[in-house]
Amino acid sequence: MTSHRREAFVLTVATGLIGITFGVFADSAGLSPVQAAALSALTFTGASQFAAVSVIGAGGNPLAAVGSGLLLAARNSLYGPVVAPFLRSSPARRAVAAQFVIDETTAMASAQDDPADARDAFWFTGLWLFVFWNLGTIAGVLAGGLFDDPGAWGLDAAFPAAFVALIVPHLRTRPGRVTALLGAAIAVVAVPLTPAGAPMLLAVLAVGPGLWIRARQSQVEGAP
C-alpha cells in the first residue's frame, strides 16, 4: 500500500469513529436510525450533519436545521476548482465524484504532488470514508441510549479535532503554514462577531495568500 493510501486509510478509520459520535448525537436529538443513516448517506458532510442535528436537538425547526447545514456546506463549493483538474472523466463519473468533494478527500488529494496520486487519494479516501462514516453512524445511533449527555463525555470535541488533523499534511510547506495560521486568526476574530458557521467560511479567505506564496515559490524554483 502506498504512503498516501496508508495515510488516507488511517484518516478514514478515525473519521469513521467520529461518525459514531454523530450517531450518538443524532439519537439524542430524536432522529431514528433510518433518519440518521439517510442523513449520512445522502448529505455525507459531517460539519453540516452536526450543525443540523444540533439545531434539531435545541428545539429548532427543520428549516433552521437545513439552513445551518447549507451554510457550512457552502465551503465545499470552493473545493471544486481544487479537485477538478485531476478528476477529468465522464460526466457520470464526475457526478459520483461530486458526492465525495468534502474536507477529507480534498485535503488528501491536494497534499499529493503527482496528479495520478491526487486522483487515487481522492477516490480511495472518499470510498473508504463513505463506508466507515455510515457504519459509524449506525453504530452510534444504536449505542446512543448509553449516553444521557454526550457532551459530558467530550464527544462534542471529536469533530473539531478531526479538522485539525486534516491540516497536518499541509503544514510541511510554507504556503500551508501561512494559510493555516492566517485562517485560524480570521476564525478567532470572527467568532464573537459573526453567526455560527460564518467564521469557518471567512477563514477560507486565507487560501488566497497561501496560493500566492505557492505561486511565488514555483516562479523562483522555475527561474533559470
C-alpha atoms as a PDB file:
ATOM      1  CA  MET A   1       0.000   0.000   0.000  1.00  0.00           C
ATOM      2  CA  THR A   2       1.386   3.424  -0.978  1.00  0.00           C
ATOM      3  CA  SER A   3       2.098   6.065   1.657  1.00  0.00           C
ATOM      4  CA  HIS A   4      -0.812   8.279   0.668  1.00  0.00           C
ATOM      5  CA  ARG A   5      -3.173   5.315   0.847  1.00  0.00           C
ATOM      6  CA  ARG A   6      -1.899   4.420   4.313  1.00  0.00           C
ATOM      7  CA  GLU A   7      -2.427   7.989   5.487  1.00  0.00           C
ATOM      8  CA  ALA A   8      -5.863   8.095   3.874  1.00  0.00           C
ATOM      9  CA  PHE A   9      -6.920   4.802   5.438  1.00  0.00           C
ATOM     10  CA  VAL A  10      -5.898   5.960   8.922  1.00  0.00           C
ATOM     11  CA  LEU A  11      -7.840   9.174   8.360  1.00  0.00           C
ATOM     12  CA  THR A  12     -10.963   7.342   7.182  1.00  0.00           C
ATOM     13  CA  VAL A  13     -10.923   4.988  10.168  1.00  0.00           C
ATOM     14  CA  ALA A  14     -10.524   7.926  12.558  1.00  0.00           C
ATOM     15  CA  THR A  15     -13.311   9.818  10.835  1.00  0.00           C
ATOM     16  CA  GLY A  16     -15.490   6.723  10.958  1.00  0.00           C
ATOM     17  CA  LEU A  17     -15.092   6.775  14.727  1.00  0.00           C
ATOM     18  CA  ILE A  18     -16.327  10.370  14.654  1.00  0.00           C
ATOM     19  CA  GLY A  19     -19.300   9.022  12.701  1.00  0.00           C
ATOM     20  CA  ILE A  20     -20.160   7.099  15.860  1.00  0.00           C
ATOM     21  CA  THR A  21     -20.222  10.438  17.688  1.00  0.00           C
ATOM     22  CA  PHE A  22     -22.605  11.817  15.085  1.00  0.00           C
ATOM     23  CA  GLY A  23     -24.852   8.790  15.510  1.00  0.00           C
ATOM     24  CA  VAL A  24     -24.941   9.333  19.286  1.00  0.00           C
ATOM     25  CA  PHE A  25     -25.881  12.991  18.857  1.00  0.00           C
ATOM     26  CA  ALA A  26     -28.468  12.121  16.212  1.00  0.00           C
ATOM     27  CA  ASP A  27     -30.070   9.678  18.632  1.00  0.00           C
ATOM     28  CA  SER A  28     -30.060  12.260  21.443  1.00  0.00           C
ATOM     29  CA  ALA A  29     -31.745  14.749  19.085  1.00  0.00           C
ATOM     30  CA  GLY A  30     -34.566  12.287  18.437  1.00  0.00           C
ATOM     31  CA  LEU A  31     -33.631  11.003  14.986  1.00  0.00           C
ATOM     32  CA  SER A  32     -34.477   7.414  14.186  1.00  0.00           C
ATOM     33  CA  PRO A  33     -31.806   5.023  12.894  1.00  0.00           C
ATOM     34  CA  VAL A  34     -33.260   5.297   9.390  1.00  0.00           C
ATOM     35  CA  GLN A  35     -33.252   9.112   9.501  1.00  0.00           C
ATOM     36  CA  ALA A  36     -29.670   9.263  10.799  1.00  0.00           C
ATOM     37  CA  ALA A  37     -28.479   6.725   8.220  1.00  0.00           C
ATOM     38  CA  ALA A  38     -30.191   8.630   5.405  1.00  0.00           C
ATOM     39  CA  LEU A  39     -28.616  11.893   6.554  1.00  0.00           C
ATOM     40  CA  SER A  40     -25.137  10.348   6.492  1.00  0.00           C
ATOM     41  CA  ALA A  41     -25.601   8.589   3.153  1.00  0.00           C
ATOM     42  CA  LEU A  42     -27.217  11.485   1.278  1.00  0.00           C
ATOM     43  CA  THR A  43     -25.587  14.510   2.902  1.00  0.00           C
ATOM     44  CA  PHE A  44     -22.186  12.971   3.657  1.00  0.00           C
ATOM     45  CA  THR A  45     -20.561  16.067   5.086  1.00  0.00           C
ATOM     46  CA  GLY A  46     -20.011  15.855   8.804  1.00  0.00           C
ATOM     47  CA  ALA A  47     -19.988  19.552   9.712  1.00  0.00           C
ATOM     48  CA  SER A  48     -23.391  20.112   8.117  1.00  0.00           C
ATOM     49  CA  GLN A  49     -24.783  16.983   9.739  1.00  0.00           C
ATOM     50  CA  PHE A  50     -23.584  18.019  13.185  1.00  0.00           C
ATOM     51  CA  ALA A  51     -24.998  21.527  12.647  1.00  0.00           C
ATOM     52  CA  ALA A  52     -28.395  20.215  11.589  1.00  0.00           C
ATOM     53  CA  VAL A  53     -28.602  17.778  14.488  1.00  0.00           C
ATOM     54  CA  SER A  54     -27.541  20.496  16.946  1.00  0.00           C
ATOM     55  CA  VAL A  55     -30.364  22.756  15.761  1.00  0.00           C
ATOM     56  CA  ILE A  56     -32.916  19.949  15.986  1.00  0.00           C
ATOM     57  CA  GLY A  57     -31.646  18.914  19.408  1.00  0.00           C
ATOM     58  CA  ALA A  58     -32.004  22.514  20.638  1.00  0.00           C
ATOM     59  CA  GLY A  59     -35.644  22.569  19.536  1.00  0.00           C
ATOM     60  CA  GLY A  60     -35.155  24.377  16.236  1.00  0.00           C
ATOM     61  CA  ASN A  61     -37.394  23.752  13.247  1.00  0.00           C
ATOM     62  CA  PRO A  62     -36.301  21.717  10.198  1.00  0.00           C
ATOM     63  CA  LEU A  63     -35.933  24.865   8.073  1.00  0.00           C
ATOM     64  CA  ALA A  64     -33.399  26.308  10.515  1.00  0.00           C
ATOM     65  CA  ALA A  65     -31.581  22.956  10.609  1.00  0.00           C
ATOM     66  CA  VAL A  66     -31.331  22.836   6.816  1.00  0.00           C
ATOM     67  CA  GLY A  67     -30.209  26.479   6.703  1.00  0.00           C
ATOM     68  CA  SER A  68     -27.364  25.923   9.149  1.00  0.00           C
ATOM     69  CA  GLY A  69     -26.319  22.789   7.294  1.00  0.00           C
ATOM     70  CA  LEU A  70     -26.263  24.611   3.953  1.00  0.00           C
ATOM     71  CA  LEU A  71     -24.237  27.448   5.433  1.00  0.00           C
ATOM     72  CA  LEU A  72     -21.477  25.083   6.483  1.00  0.00           C
ATOM     73  CA  ALA A  73     -21.743  23.040   3.278  1.00  0.00           C
ATOM     74  CA  ALA A  74     -21.152  26.177   1.205  1.00  0.00           C
ATOM     75  CA  ARG A  75     -17.411  25.782   1.740  1.00  0.00           C
ATOM     76  CA  ASN A  76     -17.496  22.532  -0.259  1.00  0.00           C
ATOM     77  CA  SER A  77     -18.264  24.510  -3.399  1.00  0.00           C
ATOM     78  CA  LEU A  78     -14.836  26.103  -3.049  1.00  0.00           C
ATOM     79  CA  TYR A  79     -13.192  22.684  -3.226  1.00  0.00           C
ATOM     80  CA  GLY A  80     -14.445  22.061  -6.760  1.00  0.00           C
ATOM     81  CA  PRO A  81     -11.741  24.090  -8.538  1.00  0.00           C
ATOM     82  CA  VAL A  82      -9.108  22.318  -6.401  1.00  0.00           C
ATOM     83  CA  VAL A  83     -10.078  18.759  -7.333  1.00  0.00           C
ATOM     84  CA  ALA A  84     -11.480  19.333 -10.832  1.00  0.00           C
ATOM     85  CA  PRO A  85      -8.099  19.339 -12.654  1.00  0.00           C
ATOM     86  CA  PHE A  86      -7.310  15.731 -11.711  1.00  0.00           C
ATOM     87  CA  LEU A  87     -10.875  14.388 -11.958  1.00  0.00           C
ATOM     88  CA  ARG A  88     -11.314  14.820 -15.695  1.00  0.00           C
ATOM     89  CA  SER A  89     -13.539  11.933 -16.761  1.00  0.00           C
ATOM     90  CA  SER A  90     -17.034  11.141 -17.988  1.00  0.00           C
ATOM     91  CA  PRO A  91     -19.994  13.242 -16.754  1.00  0.00           C
ATOM     92  CA  ALA A  92     -21.375  10.232 -14.853  1.00  0.00           C
ATOM     93  CA  ARG A  93     -18.100   9.671 -13.020  1.00  0.00           C
ATOM     94  CA  ARG A  94     -17.819  13.363 -12.192  1.00  0.00           C
ATOM     95  CA  ALA A  95     -21.375  13.307 -10.819  1.00  0.00           C
ATOM     96  CA  VAL A  96     -20.377  10.499  -8.456  1.00  0.00           C
ATOM     97  CA  ALA A  97     -17.202  12.381  -7.522  1.00  0.00           C
ATOM     98  CA  ALA A  98     -19.286  15.422  -6.541  1.00  0.00           C
ATOM     99  CA  GLN A  99     -20.708  13.431  -3.623  1.00  0.00           C
ATOM    100  CA  PHE A 100     -17.172  12.925  -2.321  1.00  0.00           C
ATOM    101  CA  VAL A 101     -15.932  16.529  -2.588  1.00  0.00           C
ATOM    102  CA  ILE A 102     -15.515  17.128   1.137  1.00  0.00           C
ATOM    103  CA  ASP A 103     -12.818  18.269   3.549  1.00  0.00           C
ATOM    104  CA  GLU A 104     -11.034  14.944   3.907  1.00  0.00           C
ATOM    105  CA  THR A 105     -10.876  13.995   0.230  1.00  0.00           C
ATOM    106  CA  THR A 106      -9.783  17.480  -0.817  1.00  0.00           C
ATOM    107  CA  ALA A 107      -7.115  17.601   1.889  1.00  0.00           C
ATOM    108  CA  MET A 108      -5.660  14.219   0.939  1.00  0.00           C
ATOM    109  CA  ALA A 109      -5.783  14.885  -2.793  1.00  0.00           C
ATOM    110  CA  SER A 110      -4.292  18.380  -2.641  1.00  0.00           C
ATOM    111  CA  ALA A 111      -1.426  17.112  -0.476  1.00  0.00           C
ATOM    112  CA  GLN A 112      -0.134  14.992  -3.400  1.00  0.00           C
ATOM    113  CA  ASP A 113       2.370  16.331  -5.927  1.00  0.00           C
ATOM    114  CA  ASP A 114       1.558  13.886  -8.722  1.00  0.00           C
ATOM    115  CA  PRO A 115      -1.863  14.233 -10.436  1.00  0.00           C
ATOM    116  CA  ALA A 116      -2.287  10.437 -10.604  1.00  0.00           C
ATOM    117  CA  ASP A 117      -1.600  10.140  -6.869  1.00  0.00           C
ATOM    118  CA  ALA A 118      -4.001  13.018  -6.197  1.00  0.00           C
ATOM    119  CA  ARG A 119      -6.761  11.285  -8.151  1.00  0.00           C
ATOM    120  CA  ASP A 120      -6.102   7.979  -6.395  1.00  0.00           C
ATOM    121  CA  ALA A 121      -6.036   9.676  -2.975  1.00  0.00           C
ATOM    122  CA  PHE A 122      -9.365  11.359  -3.705  1.00  0.00           C
ATOM    123  CA  TRP A 123     -11.200   8.175  -4.669  1.00  0.00           C
ATOM    124  CA  PHE A 124      -9.515   5.960  -2.085  1.00  0.00           C
ATOM    125  CA  THR A 125     -10.321   8.410   0.713  1.00  0.00           C
ATOM    126  CA  GLY A 126     -13.850   9.077  -0.500  1.00  0.00           C
ATOM    127  CA  LEU A 127     -14.931   5.461  -0.898  1.00  0.00           C
ATOM    128  CA  TRP A 128     -13.477   4.189   2.371  1.00  0.00           C
ATOM    129  CA  LEU A 129     -14.696   7.223   4.273  1.00  0.00           C
ATOM    130  CA  PHE A 130     -18.216   6.717   2.942  1.00  0.00           C
ATOM    131  CA  VAL A 131     -18.158   3.139   4.241  1.00  0.00           C
ATOM    132  CA  PHE A 132     -16.721   3.936   7.673  1.00  0.00           C
ATOM    133  CA  TRP A 133     -18.797   7.091   8.189  1.00  0.00           C
ATOM    134  CA  ASN A 134     -22.060   5.324   7.517  1.00  0.00           C
ATOM    135  CA  LEU A 135     -21.131   2.284   9.601  1.00  0.00           C
ATOM    136  CA  GLY A 136     -20.108   4.637  12.405  1.00  0.00           C
ATOM    137  CA  THR A 137     -23.409   6.487  12.191  1.00  0.00           C
ATOM    138  CA  ILE A 138     -25.423   3.290  12.557  1.00  0.00           C
ATOM    139  CA  ALA A 139     -23.256   2.101  15.453  1.00  0.00           C
ATOM    140  CA  GLY A 140     -23.617   5.479  17.166  1.00  0.00           C
ATOM    141  CA  VAL A 141     -27.392   5.512  16.878  1.00  0.00           C
ATOM    142  CA  LEU A 142     -27.631   2.000  18.268  1.00  0.00           C
ATOM    143  CA  ALA A 143     -25.326   2.933  21.162  1.00  0.00           C
ATOM    144  CA  GLY A 144     -26.913   6.331  21.724  1.00  0.00           C
ATOM    145  CA  GLY A 145     -29.105   5.173  24.565  1.00  0.00           C
ATOM    146  CA  LEU A 146     -25.999   4.555  26.683  1.00  0.00           C
ATOM    147  CA  PHE A 147     -25.218   8.294  26.867  1.00  0.00           C
ATOM    148  CA  ASP A 148     -27.522  10.600  28.804  1.00  0.00           C
ATOM    149  CA  ASP A 149     -25.402  13.649  27.903  1.00  0.00           C
ATOM    150  CA  PRO A 150     -22.953  13.095  25.013  1.00  0.00           C
ATOM    151  CA  GLY A 151     -21.301  16.457  25.664  1.00  0.00           C
ATOM    152  CA  ALA A 152     -20.341  15.365  29.184  1.00  0.00           C
ATOM    153  CA  TRP A 153     -18.119  12.688  27.647  1.00  0.00           C
ATOM    154  CA  GLY A 154     -16.301  15.201  25.487  1.00  0.00           C
ATOM    155  CA  LEU A 155     -17.763  13.754  22.298  1.00  0.00           C
ATOM    156  CA  ASP A 156     -18.592  17.236  21.021  1.00  0.00           C
ATOM    157  CA  ALA A 157     -14.844  17.912  20.652  1.00  0.00           C
ATOM    158  CA  ALA A 158     -14.245  14.961  18.321  1.00  0.00           C
ATOM    159  CA  PHE A 159     -15.242  16.658  15.086  1.00  0.00           C
ATOM    160  CA  PRO A 160     -13.188  19.861  15.578  1.00  0.00           C
ATOM    161  CA  ALA A 161     -10.214  17.631  16.412  1.00  0.00           C
ATOM    162  CA  ALA A 162     -10.628  15.905  13.048  1.00  0.00           C
ATOM    163  CA  PHE A 163     -10.438  19.255  11.247  1.00  0.00           C
ATOM    164  CA  VAL A 164      -7.138  19.962  12.970  1.00  0.00           C
ATOM    165  CA  ALA A 165      -5.825  16.573  11.830  1.00  0.00           C
ATOM    166  CA  LEU A 166      -6.676  17.430   8.215  1.00  0.00           C
ATOM    167  CA  ILE A 167      -4.231  20.319   8.049  1.00  0.00           C
ATOM    168  CA  VAL A 168      -1.249  18.334   9.328  1.00  0.00           C
ATOM    169  CA  PRO A 169      -0.032  17.147   5.860  1.00  0.00           C
ATOM    170  CA  HIS A 170      -0.138  20.745   4.605  1.00  0.00           C
ATOM    171  CA  LEU A 171       1.938  22.151   7.468  1.00  0.00           C
ATOM    172  CA  ARG A 172       5.047  20.655   5.889  1.00  0.00           C
ATOM    173  CA  THR A 173       5.114  23.529   3.390  1.00  0.00           C
ATOM    174  CA  ARG A 174       5.397  27.282   3.891  1.00  0.00           C
ATOM    175  CA  PRO A 175       2.175  28.068   1.958  1.00  0.00           C
ATOM    176  CA  GLY A 176       0.335  25.537   4.117  1.00  0.00           C
ATOM    177  CA  ARG A 177       1.635  27.046   7.349  1.00  0.00           C
ATOM    178  CA  VAL A 178       0.758  30.587   6.273  1.00  0.00           C
ATOM    179  CA  THR A 179      -2.747  29.511   5.232  1.00  0.00           C
ATOM    180  CA  ALA A 180      -3.344  27.621   8.479  1.00  0.00           C
ATOM    181  CA  LEU A 181      -2.157  30.438  10.737  1.00  0.00           C
ATOM    182  CA  LEU A 182      -3.987  33.160   8.831  1.00  0.00           C
ATOM    183  CA  GLY A 183      -7.177  31.084   8.653  1.00  0.00           C
ATOM    184  CA  ALA A 184      -7.027  30.450  12.398  1.00  0.00           C
ATOM    185  CA  ALA A 185      -6.552  34.157  13.082  1.00  0.00           C
ATOM    186  CA  ILE A 186      -9.527  35.086  10.890  1.00  0.00           C
ATOM    187  CA  ALA A 187     -11.744  32.496  12.595  1.00  0.00           C
ATOM    188  CA  VAL A 188     -10.741  33.619  16.115  1.00  0.00           C
ATOM    189  CA  VAL A 189     -11.540  37.247  15.300  1.00  0.00           C
ATOM    190  CA  ALA A 190     -14.826  36.324  13.584  1.00  0.00           C
ATOM    191  CA  VAL A 191     -16.232  34.027  16.304  1.00  0.00           C
ATOM    192  CA  PRO A 192     -17.598  36.786  18.575  1.00  0.00           C
ATOM    193  CA  LEU A 193     -18.649  38.996  15.663  1.00  0.00           C
ATOM    194  CA  THR A 194     -20.456  36.687  13.248  1.00  0.00           C
ATOM    195  CA  PRO A 195     -23.201  33.997  13.330  1.00  0.00           C
ATOM    196  CA  ALA A 196     -22.350  30.345  13.939  1.00  0.00           C
ATOM    197  CA  GLY A 197     -20.750  28.767  10.887  1.00  0.00           C
ATOM    198  CA  ALA A 198     -19.605  32.071   9.378  1.00  0.00           C
ATOM    199  CA  PRO A 199     -16.078  32.026  10.899  1.00  0.00           C
ATOM    200  CA  MET A 200     -15.314  28.806   9.021  1.00  0.00           C
ATOM    201  CA  LEU A 201     -16.429  30.364   5.742  1.00  0.00           C
ATOM    202  CA  LEU A 202     -14.460  33.556   6.361  1.00  0.00           C
ATOM    203  CA  ALA A 203     -11.332  31.538   7.172  1.00  0.00           C
ATOM    204  CA  VAL A 204     -11.332  30.399   3.539  1.00  0.00           C
ATOM    205  CA  LEU A 205     -10.008  33.883   2.694  1.00  0.00           C
ATOM    206  CA  ALA A 206      -6.639  32.640   3.964  1.00  0.00           C
ATOM    207  CA  VAL A 207      -6.364  30.372   0.934  1.00  0.00           C
ATOM    208  CA  GLY A 208      -5.632  33.370  -1.323  1.00  0.00           C
ATOM    209  CA  PRO A 209      -2.365  34.406   0.362  1.00  0.00           C
ATOM    210  CA  GLY A 210      -1.345  30.742   0.588  1.00  0.00           C
ATOM    211  CA  LEU A 211      -1.837  30.258  -3.147  1.00  0.00           C
ATOM    212  CA  TRP A 212       0.067  33.480  -3.855  1.00  0.00           C
ATOM    213  CA  ILE A 213       3.056  32.269  -1.810  1.00  0.00           C
ATOM    214  CA  ARG A 214       2.894  28.902  -3.566  1.00  0.00           C
ATOM    215  CA  ALA A 215       2.883  30.613  -6.977  1.00  0.00           C
ATOM    216  CA  ARG A 216       5.850  32.768  -5.999  1.00  0.00           C
ATOM    217  CA  GLN A 217       7.774  29.711  -4.844  1.00  0.00           C
ATOM    218  CA  SER A 218       7.064  27.978  -8.157  1.00  0.00           C
ATOM    219  CA  GLN A 219       8.351  31.009 -10.078  1.00  0.00           C
ATOM    220  CA  VAL A 220      11.535  31.114  -8.036  1.00  0.00           C
ATOM    221  CA  GLU A 221      12.138  27.377  -8.421  1.00  0.00           C
ATOM    222  CA  GLY A 222      11.472  27.587 -12.162  1.00  0.00           C
ATOM    223  CA  ALA A 223      13.712  30.587 -12.718  1.00  0.00           C
ATOM    224  CA  PRO A 224      16.991  29.859 -14.566  1.00  0.00           C
END
